[in-house]
């Protein structure tokens, strides 16, 4: 696996962990201020995860197969 692909996968895993932390806030008893911030960050991070998924797929397609 290329170093670039490995880096993308590590970045994706880190973002999933960050997203999960915000999901826990959203699942907790409602606190309007915290929920609004968590919702915003969750959406932002999910968009980043989607972009990383596309980059990973692009690397899988363009990287030479062994």
PDB file of N, CA and C in Angstrom:
ATOM      1  N   UNK A   1       0.854  -1.178   0.000  1.00  0.00           N
ATOM      2  CA  UNK A   1       0.000   0.000   0.000  1.00  0.00           C
ATOM      3  C   UNK A   1       0.898   1.238   0.000  1.00  0.00           C
ATOM      4  N   UNK A   2       0.506   2.202  -0.791  1.00  0.00           N
ATOM      5  CA  UNK A   2       1.322   3.403  -0.902  1.00  0.00           C
ATOM      6  C   UNK A   2       1.243   4.219   0.394  1.00  0.00           C
ATOM      7  N   UNK A   3       2.264   5.006   0.597  1.00  0.00           N
ATOM      8  CA  UNK A   3       2.305   5.868   1.783  1.00  0.00           C
ATOM      9  C   UNK A   3       1.142   6.864   1.766  1.00  0.00           C
ATOM     10  N   UNK A   4       0.822   7.376   0.595  1.00  0.00           N
ATOM     11  CA  UNK A   4      -0.279   8.336   0.456  1.00  0.00           C
ATOM     12  C   UNK A   4      -1.614   7.690   0.851  1.00  0.00           C
ATOM     13  N   UNK A   5      -1.854   6.470   0.379  1.00  0.00           N
ATOM     14  CA  UNK A   5      -3.083   5.763   0.708  1.00  0.00           C
ATOM     15  C   UNK A   5      -3.161   5.484   2.209  1.00  0.00           C
ATOM     16  N   UNK A   6      -2.063   5.076   2.785  1.00  0.00           N
ATOM     17  CA  UNK A   6      -2.022   4.819   4.228  1.00  0.00           C
ATOM     18  C   UNK A   6      -2.319   6.091   5.018  1.00  0.00           C
ATOM     19  N   UNK A   7      -1.763   7.207   4.583  1.00  0.00           N
ATOM     20  CA  UNK A   7      -2.013   8.492   5.240  1.00  0.00           C
ATOM     21  C   UNK A   7      -3.478   8.870   5.163  1.00  0.00           C
ATOM     22  N   UNK A   8      -4.090   8.684   3.995  1.00  0.00           N
ATOM     23  CA  UNK A   8      -5.514   8.987   3.832  1.00  0.00           C
ATOM     24  C   UNK A   8      -6.368   8.115   4.752  1.00  0.00           C
ATOM     25  N   UNK A   9      -6.024   6.841   4.848  1.00  0.00           N
ATOM     26  CA  UNK A   9      -6.791   5.931   5.711  1.00  0.00           C
ATOM     27  C   UNK A   9      -6.631   6.298   7.187  1.00  0.00           C
ATOM     28  N   UNK A  10      -5.449   6.705   7.583  1.00  0.00           N
ATOM     29  CA  UNK A  10      -5.231   7.137   8.968  1.00  0.00           C
ATOM     30  C   UNK A  10      -6.012   8.412   9.260  1.00  0.00           C
ATOM     31  N   UNK A  11      -6.003   9.339   8.319  1.00  0.00           N
ATOM     32  CA  UNK A  11      -6.755  10.587   8.497  1.00  0.00           C
ATOM     33  C   UNK A  11      -8.247  10.291   8.609  1.00  0.00           C
ATOM     34  N   UNK A  12      -8.739   9.373   7.786  1.00  0.00           N
ATOM     35  CA  UNK A  12     -10.154   9.004   7.838  1.00  0.00           C
ATOM     36  C   UNK A  12     -10.506   8.411   9.199  1.00  0.00           C
ATOM     37  N   UNK A  13      -9.661   7.521   9.697  1.00  0.00           N
ATOM     38  CA  UNK A  13      -9.925   6.895  10.997  1.00  0.00           C
ATOM     39  C   UNK A  13      -9.964   7.942  12.107  1.00  0.00           C
ATOM     40  N   UNK A  14      -9.058   8.885  12.069  1.00  0.00           N
ATOM     41  CA  UNK A  14      -9.033   9.939  13.079  1.00  0.00           C
ATOM     42  C   UNK A  14     -10.305  10.792  13.012  1.00  0.00           C
ATOM     43  N   UNK A  15     -10.764  11.098  11.804  1.00  0.00           N
ATOM     44  CA  UNK A  15     -11.991  11.891  11.647  1.00  0.00           C
ATOM     45  C   UNK A  15     -13.225  11.117  12.108  1.00  0.00           C
ATOM     46  N   UNK A  16     -13.241   9.803  11.872  1.00  0.00           N
ATOM     47  CA  UNK A  16     -14.363   8.977  12.359  1.00  0.00           C
ATOM     48  C   UNK A  16     -14.416   9.040  13.883  1.00  0.00           C
ATOM     49  N   UNK A  17     -13.265   8.980  14.530  1.00  0.00           N
ATOM     50  CA  UNK A  17     -13.223   9.066  15.994  1.00  0.00           C
ATOM     51  C   UNK A  17     -13.742  10.423  16.473  1.00  0.00           C
ATOM     52  N   UNK A  18     -13.343  11.494  15.780  1.00  0.00           N
ATOM     53  CA  UNK A  18     -13.829  12.833  16.139  1.00  0.00           C
ATOM     54  C   UNK A  18     -15.335  12.933  15.936  1.00  0.00           C
ATOM     55  N   UNK A  19     -15.817  12.391  14.820  1.00  0.00           N
ATOM     56  CA  UNK A  19     -17.257  12.421  14.530  1.00  0.00           C
ATOM     57  C   UNK A  19     -18.038  11.668  15.601  1.00  0.00           C
ATOM     58  N   UNK A  20     -17.499  10.513  16.034  1.00  0.00           N
ATOM     59  CA  UNK A  20     -18.176   9.715  17.052  1.00  0.00           C
ATOM     60  C   UNK A  20     -18.331  10.481  18.363  1.00  0.00           C
ATOM     61  N   UNK A  21     -17.333  11.291  18.702  1.00  0.00           N
ATOM     62  CA  UNK A  21     -17.425  12.090  19.921  1.00  0.00           C
ATOM     63  C   UNK A  21     -18.583  13.081  19.827  1.00  0.00           C
ATOM     64  N   UNK A  22     -18.778  13.674  18.663  1.00  0.00           N
ATOM     65  CA  UNK A  22     -19.889  14.618  18.480  1.00  0.00           C
ATOM     66  C   UNK A  22     -21.228  13.884  18.452  1.00  0.00           C
ATOM     67  N   UNK A  23     -21.251  12.675  17.925  1.00  0.00           N
ATOM     68  CA  UNK A  23     -22.481  11.877  17.930  1.00  0.00           C
ATOM     69  C   UNK A  23     -22.910  11.559  19.361  1.00  0.00           C
ATOM     70  N   UNK A  24     -21.949  11.322  20.232  1.00  0.00           N
ATOM     71  CA  UNK A  24     -22.274  11.045  21.639  1.00  0.00           C
ATOM     72  C   UNK A  24     -22.930  12.259  22.288  1.00  0.00           C
ATOM     73  N   UNK A  25     -22.456  13.439  21.955  1.00  0.00           N
ATOM     74  CA  UNK A  25     -23.070  14.662  22.489  1.00  0.00           C
ATOM     75  C   UNK A  25     -24.505  14.774  21.975  1.00  0.00           C
ATOM     76  N   UNK A  26     -24.709  14.456  20.697  1.00  0.00           N
ATOM     77  CA  UNK A  26     -26.053  14.534  20.123  1.00  0.00           C
ATOM     78  C   UNK A  26     -26.993  13.488  20.734  1.00  0.00           C
ATOM     79  N   UNK A  27     -26.451  12.353  21.147  1.00  0.00           N
ATOM     80  CA  UNK A  27     -27.263  11.291  21.732  1.00  0.00           C
ATOM     81  C   UNK A  27     -27.547  11.518  23.218  1.00  0.00           C
ATOM     82  N   UNK A  28     -26.788  12.398  23.846  1.00  0.00           N
ATOM     83  CA  UNK A  28     -26.943  12.679  25.278  1.00  0.00           C
ATOM     84  C   UNK A  28     -28.215  13.500  25.525  1.00  0.00           C
ATOM     85  N   UNK A  29     -28.608  13.597  26.775  1.00  0.00           N
ATOM     86  CA  UNK A  29     -29.759  14.458  27.094  1.00  0.00           C
ATOM     87  C   UNK A  29     -29.563  15.847  26.478  1.00  0.00           C
ATOM     88  N   UNK A  30     -30.651  16.403  25.979  1.00  0.00           N
ATOM     89  CA  UNK A  30     -30.598  17.628  25.178  1.00  0.00           C
ATOM     90  C   UNK A  30     -30.092  18.835  25.959  1.00  0.00           C
ATOM     91  N   UNK A  31     -29.087  19.471  25.400  1.00  0.00           N
ATOM     92  CA  UNK A  31     -28.563  20.758  25.847  1.00  0.00           C
ATOM     93  C   UNK A  31     -28.419  21.567  24.566  1.00  0.00           C
ATOM     94  N   UNK A  32     -29.288  22.525  24.379  1.00  0.00           N
ATOM     95  CA  UNK A  32     -29.395  23.235  23.104  1.00  0.00           C
ATOM     96  C   UNK A  32     -28.056  23.753  22.585  1.00  0.00           C
ATOM     97  N   UNK A  33     -27.293  24.429  23.420  1.00  0.00           N
ATOM     98  CA  UNK A  33     -26.024  25.014  22.983  1.00  0.00           C
ATOM     99  C   UNK A  33     -25.047  23.927  22.538  1.00  0.00           C
ATOM    100  N   UNK A  34     -24.879  22.901  23.372  1.00  0.00           N
ATOM    101  CA  UNK A  34     -23.964  21.817  23.025  1.00  0.00           C
ATOM    102  C   UNK A  34     -24.438  21.066  21.786  1.00  0.00           C
ATOM    103  N   UNK A  35     -25.746  20.827  21.690  1.00  0.00           N
ATOM    104  CA  UNK A  35     -26.291  20.081  20.559  1.00  0.00           C
ATOM    105  C   UNK A  35     -26.083  20.845  19.248  1.00  0.00           C
ATOM    106  N   UNK A  36     -26.280  22.141  19.262  1.00  0.00           N
ATOM    107  CA  UNK A  36     -26.095  22.926  18.044  1.00  0.00           C
ATOM    108  C   UNK A  36     -24.648  22.890  17.574  1.00  0.00           C
ATOM    109  N   UNK A  37     -23.719  23.038  18.506  1.00  0.00           N
ATOM    110  CA  UNK A  37     -22.296  22.983  18.141  1.00  0.00           C
ATOM    111  C   UNK A  37     -21.916  21.583  17.657  1.00  0.00           C
ATOM    112  N   UNK A  38     -22.409  20.564  18.362  1.00  0.00           N
ATOM    113  CA  UNK A  38     -22.083  19.190  17.983  1.00  0.00           C
ATOM    114  C   UNK A  38     -22.655  18.857  16.607  1.00  0.00           C
ATOM    115  N   UNK A  39     -23.863  19.302  16.332  1.00  0.00           N
ATOM    116  CA  UNK A  39     -24.495  19.041  15.039  1.00  0.00           C
ATOM    117  C   UNK A  39     -23.680  19.688  13.912  1.00  0.00           C
ATOM    118  N   UNK A  40     -23.278  20.905  14.123  1.00  0.00           N
ATOM    119  CA  UNK A  40     -22.490  21.613  13.119  1.00  0.00           C
ATOM    120  C   UNK A  40     -21.160  20.907  12.861  1.00  0.00           C
ATOM    121  N   UNK A  41     -20.466  20.544  13.926  1.00  0.00           N
ATOM    122  CA  UNK A  41     -19.176  19.863  13.788  1.00  0.00           C
ATOM    123  C   UNK A  41     -19.355  18.481  13.164  1.00  0.00           C
ATOM    124  N   UNK A  42     -20.433  17.766  13.541  1.00  0.00           N
ATOM    125  CA  UNK A  42     -20.700  16.445  12.985  1.00  0.00           C
ATOM    126  C   UNK A  42     -20.840  16.534  11.465  1.00  0.00           C
ATOM    127  N   UNK A  43     -21.629  17.490  11.010  1.00  0.00           N
ATOM    128  CA  UNK A  43     -21.848  17.658   9.569  1.00  0.00           C
ATOM    129  C   UNK A  43     -20.542  18.034   8.866  1.00  0.00           C
ATOM    130  N   UNK A  44     -19.780  18.927   9.457  1.00  0.00           N
ATOM    131  CA  UNK A  44     -18.495  19.341   8.879  1.00  0.00           C
ATOM    132  C   UNK A  44     -17.547  18.152   8.765  1.00  0.00           C
ATOM    133  N   UNK A  45     -17.451  17.368   9.828  1.00  0.00           N
ATOM    134  CA  UNK A  45     -16.537  16.224   9.834  1.00  0.00           C
ATOM    135  C   UNK A  45     -17.017  15.153   8.862  1.00  0.00           C
ATOM    136  N   UNK A  46     -18.339  14.930   8.779  1.00  0.00           N
ATOM    137  CA  UNK A  46     -18.850  13.927   7.850  1.00  0.00           C
ATOM    138  C   UNK A  46     -18.527  14.305   6.407  1.00  0.00           C
ATOM    139  N   UNK A  47     -18.604  15.578   6.087  1.00  0.00           N
ATOM    140  CA  UNK A  47     -18.232  16.027   4.739  1.00  0.00           C
ATOM    141  C   UNK A  47     -16.755  15.738   4.472  1.00  0.00           C
ATOM    142  N   UNK A  48     -15.930  15.928   5.475  1.00  0.00           N
ATOM    143  CA  UNK A  48     -14.503  15.627   5.332  1.00  0.00           C
ATOM    144  C   UNK A  48     -14.285  14.126   5.153  1.00  0.00           C
ATOM    145  N   UNK A  49     -15.002  13.307   5.910  1.00  0.00           N
ATOM    146  CA  UNK A  49     -14.890  11.852   5.764  1.00  0.00           C
ATOM    147  C   UNK A  49     -15.299  11.436   4.359  1.00  0.00           C
ATOM    148  N   UNK A  50     -16.380  12.019   3.852  1.00  0.00           N
ATOM    149  CA  UNK A  50     -16.814  11.713   2.485  1.00  0.00           C
ATOM    150  C   UNK A  50     -15.730  12.080   1.470  1.00  0.00           C
ATOM    151  N   UNK A  51     -15.086  13.214   1.665  1.00  0.00           N
ATOM    152  CA  UNK A  51     -14.005  13.635   0.766  1.00  0.00           C
ATOM    153  C   UNK A  51     -12.816  12.671   0.866  1.00  0.00           C
ATOM    154  N   UNK A  52     -12.497  12.249   2.077  1.00  0.00           N
ATOM    155  CA  UNK A  52     -11.411  11.281   2.257  1.00  0.00           C
ATOM    156  C   UNK A  52     -11.759   9.947   1.597  1.00  0.00           C
ATOM    157  N   UNK A  53     -13.017   9.520   1.706  1.00  0.00           N
ATOM    158  CA  UNK A  53     -13.445   8.283   1.048  1.00  0.00           C
ATOM    159  C   UNK A  53     -13.235   8.377  -0.468  1.00  0.00           C
ATOM    160  N   UNK A  54     -13.587   9.521  -1.048  1.00  0.00           N
ATOM    161  CA  UNK A  54     -13.389   9.711  -2.487  1.00  0.00           C
ATOM    162  C   UNK A  54     -11.898   9.692  -2.839  1.00  0.00           C
ATOM    163  N   UNK A  55     -11.087  10.301  -2.006  1.00  0.00           N
ATOM    164  CA  UNK A  55      -9.637  10.307  -2.255  1.00  0.00           C
ATOM    165  C   UNK A  55      -9.067   8.894  -2.145  1.00  0.00           C
ATOM    166  N   UNK A  56      -9.526   8.133  -1.167  1.00  0.00           N
ATOM    167  CA  UNK A  56      -9.065   6.751  -0.998  1.00  0.00           C
ATOM    168  C   UNK A  56      -9.464   5.917  -2.203  1.00  0.00           C
ATOM    169  N   UNK A  57     -10.706   6.079  -2.644  1.00  0.00           N
ATOM    170  CA  UNK A  57     -11.165   5.354  -3.834  1.00  0.00           C
ATOM    171  C   UNK A  57     -10.331   5.739  -5.049  1.00  0.00           C
ATOM    172  N   UNK A  58     -10.023   7.012  -5.182  1.00  0.00           N
ATOM    173  CA  UNK A  58      -9.181   7.466  -6.286  1.00  0.00           C
ATOM    174  C   UNK A  58      -7.795   6.870  -6.237  1.00  0.00           C
ATOM    175  N   UNK A  59      -7.243   6.745  -5.056  1.00  0.00           N
ATOM    176  CA  UNK A  59      -5.920   6.124  -4.901  1.00  0.00           C
ATOM    177  C   UNK A  59      -5.985   4.645  -5.247  1.00  0.00           C
ATOM    178  N   UNK A  60      -7.056   3.963  -4.828  1.00  0.00           N
ATOM    179  CA  UNK A  60      -7.205   2.537  -5.143  1.00  0.00           C
ATOM    180  C   UNK A  60      -7.264   2.319  -6.652  1.00  0.00           C
ATOM    181  N   UNK A  61      -7.926   3.228  -7.354  1.00  0.00           N
ATOM    182  CA  UNK A  61      -8.078   3.103  -8.805  1.00  0.00           C
ATOM    183  C   UNK A  61      -6.767   3.403  -9.519  1.00  0.00           C
ATOM    184  N   UNK A  62      -6.038   4.413  -9.051  1.00  0.00           N
ATOM    185  CA  UNK A  62      -4.842   4.848  -9.768  1.00  0.00           C
ATOM    186  C   UNK A  62      -3.569   4.129  -9.330  1.00  0.00           C
ATOM    187  N   UNK A  63      -3.574   3.502  -8.158  1.00  0.00           N
ATOM    188  CA  UNK A  63      -2.342   2.850  -7.697  1.00  0.00           C
ATOM    189  C   UNK A  63      -2.146   1.529  -8.430  1.00  0.00           C
ATOM    190  N   UNK A  64      -0.898   1.220  -8.774  1.00  0.00           N
ATOM    191  CA  UNK A  64      -0.612  -0.037  -9.488  1.00  0.00           C
ATOM    192  C   UNK A  64      -0.884  -1.236  -8.592  1.00  0.00           C
ATOM    193  N   UNK A  65      -1.465  -2.255  -9.178  1.00  0.00           N
ATOM    194  CA  UNK A  65      -1.757  -3.484  -8.444  1.00  0.00           C
ATOM    195  C   UNK A  65      -0.520  -4.373  -8.430  1.00  0.00           C
ATOM    196  N   UNK A  66      -0.295  -5.038  -7.283  1.00  0.00           N
ATOM    197  CA  UNK A  66       0.867  -5.930  -7.179  1.00  0.00           C
ATOM    198  C   UNK A  66       0.465  -7.338  -7.520  1.00  0.00           C
TER     199      UNK A  66
END
